[in-house]
Amino acid sequence: MSKEIIEKAGKIIQKHVGKNAAAGSEPYCILALIDLEGYPTASAITPSQAEGIEKISLCTGLSSNKAERIKKCNRAGLCFSNLEYNITLTGTIEIITDPEVKKEM
């Protein structure tokens, strides 16, 4: 993938981060995980922070279904889309419980 496309995708993703979302836009993405029985799931979630396409932070409760799914399988997909673009990313996801990081969010 070219550097130009990666930079453009990073700028688009920033528009979906909760605090940066423009009025009337969709400040969320779709998080795809594998459930506890091995089936794919998809949930809308608002990103808290993003550093380009390399690191995207999401917040959820530790007792949520999402957290349970992540504990079982750390592979995930994120999709940011509207009528003008579709950015789909795949990779790994981790649960961070550091109080300082939580305070940042």
C-alpha atoms as a PDB file:
ATOM      1  CA  MET A   1       0.000   0.000   0.000  1.00  0.00           C
ATOM      2  CA  SER A   2       1.372   3.430  -0.863  1.00  0.00           C
ATOM      3  CA  LYS A   3       2.358   5.986   1.766  1.00  0.00           C
ATOM      4  CA  GLU A   4      -0.182   8.407   0.272  1.00  0.00           C
ATOM      5  CA  ILE A   5      -3.069   5.960   0.743  1.00  0.00           C
ATOM      6  CA  ILE A   6      -1.985   5.163   4.312  1.00  0.00           C
ATOM      7  CA  GLU A   7      -1.845   8.883   5.181  1.00  0.00           C
ATOM      8  CA  LYS A   8      -5.248   9.515   3.592  1.00  0.00           C
ATOM      9  CA  ALA A   9      -6.766   6.592   5.505  1.00  0.00           C
ATOM     10  CA  GLY A  10      -5.283   7.923   8.763  1.00  0.00           C
ATOM     11  CA  LYS A  11      -6.897  11.338   8.186  1.00  0.00           C
ATOM     12  CA  ILE A  12     -10.265   9.737   7.441  1.00  0.00           C
ATOM     13  CA  ILE A  13     -10.048   7.590  10.574  1.00  0.00           C
ATOM     14  CA  GLN A  14      -9.403  10.727  12.654  1.00  0.00           C
ATOM     15  CA  LYS A  15     -12.835  11.980  11.554  1.00  0.00           C
ATOM     16  CA  HIS A  16     -14.395   8.946  13.273  1.00  0.00           C
ATOM     17  CA  VAL A  17     -12.660   9.487  16.631  1.00  0.00           C
ATOM     18  CA  GLY A  18     -15.364  10.589  19.086  1.00  0.00           C
ATOM     19  CA  LYS A  19     -13.962  14.003  19.959  1.00  0.00           C
ATOM     20  CA  ASN A  20     -13.094  14.813  16.321  1.00  0.00           C
ATOM     21  CA  ALA A  21     -16.335  13.695  14.714  1.00  0.00           C
ATOM     22  CA  ALA A  22     -17.963  16.409  12.654  1.00  0.00           C
ATOM     23  CA  ALA A  23     -21.565  17.318  13.397  1.00  0.00           C
ATOM     24  CA  GLY A  24     -23.882  14.951  11.580  1.00  0.00           C
ATOM     25  CA  SER A  25     -21.158  12.395  10.842  1.00  0.00           C
ATOM     26  CA  GLU A  26     -20.960   8.839  12.104  1.00  0.00           C
ATOM     27  CA  PRO A  27     -18.371   8.895  14.919  1.00  0.00           C
ATOM     28  CA  TYR A  28     -18.055   5.148  15.001  1.00  0.00           C
ATOM     29  CA  CYS A  29     -16.598   2.155  13.241  1.00  0.00           C
ATOM     30  CA  ILE A  30     -17.519  -1.500  13.099  1.00  0.00           C
ATOM     31  CA  LEU A  31     -15.458  -3.862  15.243  1.00  0.00           C
ATOM     32  CA  ALA A  32     -15.427  -7.463  14.049  1.00  0.00           C
ATOM     33  CA  LEU A  33     -14.466 -10.190  16.523  1.00  0.00           C
ATOM     34  CA  ILE A  34     -14.927 -13.936  16.908  1.00  0.00           C
ATOM     35  CA  ASP A  35     -17.464 -14.930  19.567  1.00  0.00           C
ATOM     36  CA  LEU A  36     -16.950 -17.560  22.234  1.00  0.00           C
ATOM     37  CA  GLU A  37     -18.344 -20.266  19.937  1.00  0.00           C
ATOM     38  CA  GLY A  38     -16.169 -19.333  16.956  1.00  0.00           C
ATOM     39  CA  TYR A  39     -18.681 -17.265  14.978  1.00  0.00           C
ATOM     40  CA  PRO A  40     -17.956 -13.783  13.611  1.00  0.00           C
ATOM     41  CA  THR A  41     -19.616 -10.801  15.287  1.00  0.00           C
ATOM     42  CA  ALA A  42     -19.771  -7.115  14.418  1.00  0.00           C
ATOM     43  CA  SER A  43     -20.436  -4.201  16.775  1.00  0.00           C
ATOM     44  CA  ALA A  44     -20.544  -0.450  16.299  1.00  0.00           C
ATOM     45  CA  ILE A  45     -18.060   1.320  18.584  1.00  0.00           C
ATOM     46  CA  THR A  46     -16.611   4.833  18.754  1.00  0.00           C
ATOM     47  CA  PRO A  47     -12.818   5.031  18.621  1.00  0.00           C
ATOM     48  CA  SER A  48     -11.333   7.042  21.502  1.00  0.00           C
ATOM     49  CA  GLN A  49      -7.980   7.786  19.880  1.00  0.00           C
ATOM     50  CA  ALA A  50      -6.168   6.998  16.659  1.00  0.00           C
ATOM     51  CA  GLU A  51      -2.577   7.203  15.488  1.00  0.00           C
ATOM     52  CA  GLY A  52      -2.993   6.827  11.749  1.00  0.00           C
ATOM     53  CA  ILE A  53      -3.920   3.258  10.849  1.00  0.00           C
ATOM     54  CA  GLU A  54      -1.327   1.694  13.163  1.00  0.00           C
ATOM     55  CA  LYS A  55      -2.978   2.157  16.562  1.00  0.00           C
ATOM     56  CA  ILE A  56      -6.644   2.756  17.249  1.00  0.00           C
ATOM     57  CA  SER A  57      -7.932   2.830  20.819  1.00  0.00           C
ATOM     58  CA  LEU A  58     -11.439   1.736  21.772  1.00  0.00           C
ATOM     59  CA  CYS A  59     -13.106   1.703  25.192  1.00  0.00           C
ATOM     60  CA  THR A  60     -15.422  -0.953  26.590  1.00  0.00           C
ATOM     61  CA  GLY A  61     -16.164  -2.447  29.971  1.00  0.00           C
ATOM     62  CA  LEU A  62     -14.110  -5.410  31.153  1.00  0.00           C
ATOM     63  CA  SER A  63     -17.277  -7.430  31.760  1.00  0.00           C
ATOM     64  CA  SER A  64     -18.698  -6.739  28.285  1.00  0.00           C
ATOM     65  CA  ASN A  65     -19.188  -9.350  25.571  1.00  0.00           C
ATOM     66  CA  LYS A  66     -16.477  -7.611  23.543  1.00  0.00           C
ATOM     67  CA  ALA A  67     -13.914  -8.027  26.319  1.00  0.00           C
ATOM     68  CA  GLU A  68     -14.778 -11.720  26.684  1.00  0.00           C
ATOM     69  CA  ARG A  69     -14.371 -12.240  22.936  1.00  0.00           C
ATOM     70  CA  ILE A  70     -11.017 -10.423  22.907  1.00  0.00           C
ATOM     71  CA  LYS A  71      -9.739 -12.600  25.765  1.00  0.00           C
ATOM     72  CA  LYS A  72     -10.553 -15.705  23.735  1.00  0.00           C
ATOM     73  CA  CYS A  73      -9.267 -14.500  20.344  1.00  0.00           C
ATOM     74  CA  ASN A  74      -7.195 -11.339  19.856  1.00  0.00           C
ATOM     75  CA  ARG A  75      -7.679 -11.120  16.076  1.00  0.00           C
ATOM     76  CA  ALA A  76      -9.978  -8.305  15.011  1.00  0.00           C
ATOM     77  CA  GLY A  77     -11.173  -6.196  12.122  1.00  0.00           C
ATOM     78  CA  LEU A  78     -12.241  -2.556  12.015  1.00  0.00           C
ATOM     79  CA  CYS A  79     -14.277  -0.954   9.257  1.00  0.00           C
ATOM     80  CA  PHE A  80     -14.711   2.787   8.748  1.00  0.00           C
ATOM     81  CA  SER A  81     -17.128   3.649   5.971  1.00  0.00           C
ATOM     82  CA  ASN A  82     -19.615   6.040   4.468  1.00  0.00           C
ATOM     83  CA  LEU A  83     -20.809   6.679   0.911  1.00  0.00           C
ATOM     84  CA  GLU A  84     -17.384   8.019  -0.147  1.00  0.00           C
ATOM     85  CA  TYR A  85     -14.982   5.434   1.297  1.00  0.00           C
ATOM     86  CA  ASN A  86     -14.545   2.084   2.970  1.00  0.00           C
ATOM     87  CA  ILE A  87     -11.442   1.428   5.067  1.00  0.00           C
ATOM     88  CA  THR A  88     -11.103  -2.075   6.447  1.00  0.00           C
ATOM     89  CA  LEU A  89      -8.226  -2.938   8.767  1.00  0.00           C
ATOM     90  CA  THR A  90      -7.277  -6.278  10.300  1.00  0.00           C
ATOM     91  CA  GLY A  91      -4.850  -7.096  13.056  1.00  0.00           C
ATOM     92  CA  THR A  92      -4.670  -7.896  16.731  1.00  0.00           C
ATOM     93  CA  ILE A  93      -6.413  -6.266  19.653  1.00  0.00           C
ATOM     94  CA  GLU A  94      -5.422  -6.161  23.309  1.00  0.00           C
ATOM     95  CA  ILE A  95      -7.066  -5.223  26.576  1.00  0.00           C
ATOM     96  CA  ILE A  96      -5.192  -2.538  28.489  1.00  0.00           C
ATOM     97  CA  THR A  97      -6.077  -1.931  32.125  1.00  0.00           C
ATOM     98  CA  ASP A  98      -3.357   0.605  33.016  1.00  0.00           C
ATOM     99  CA  PRO A  99      -5.047   3.378  35.078  1.00  0.00           C
ATOM    100  CA  GLU A 100      -3.033   6.111  33.332  1.00  0.00           C
ATOM    101  CA  VAL A 101      -4.181   4.957  29.894  1.00  0.00           C
ATOM    102  CA  LYS A 102      -7.770   4.720  31.125  1.00  0.00           C
ATOM    103  CA  LYS A 103      -7.537   8.291  32.421  1.00  0.00           C
ATOM    104  CA  GLU A 104      -6.374   9.461  28.963  1.00  0.00           C
ATOM    105  CA  MET A 105      -9.448   7.950  27.352  1.00  0.00           C
END
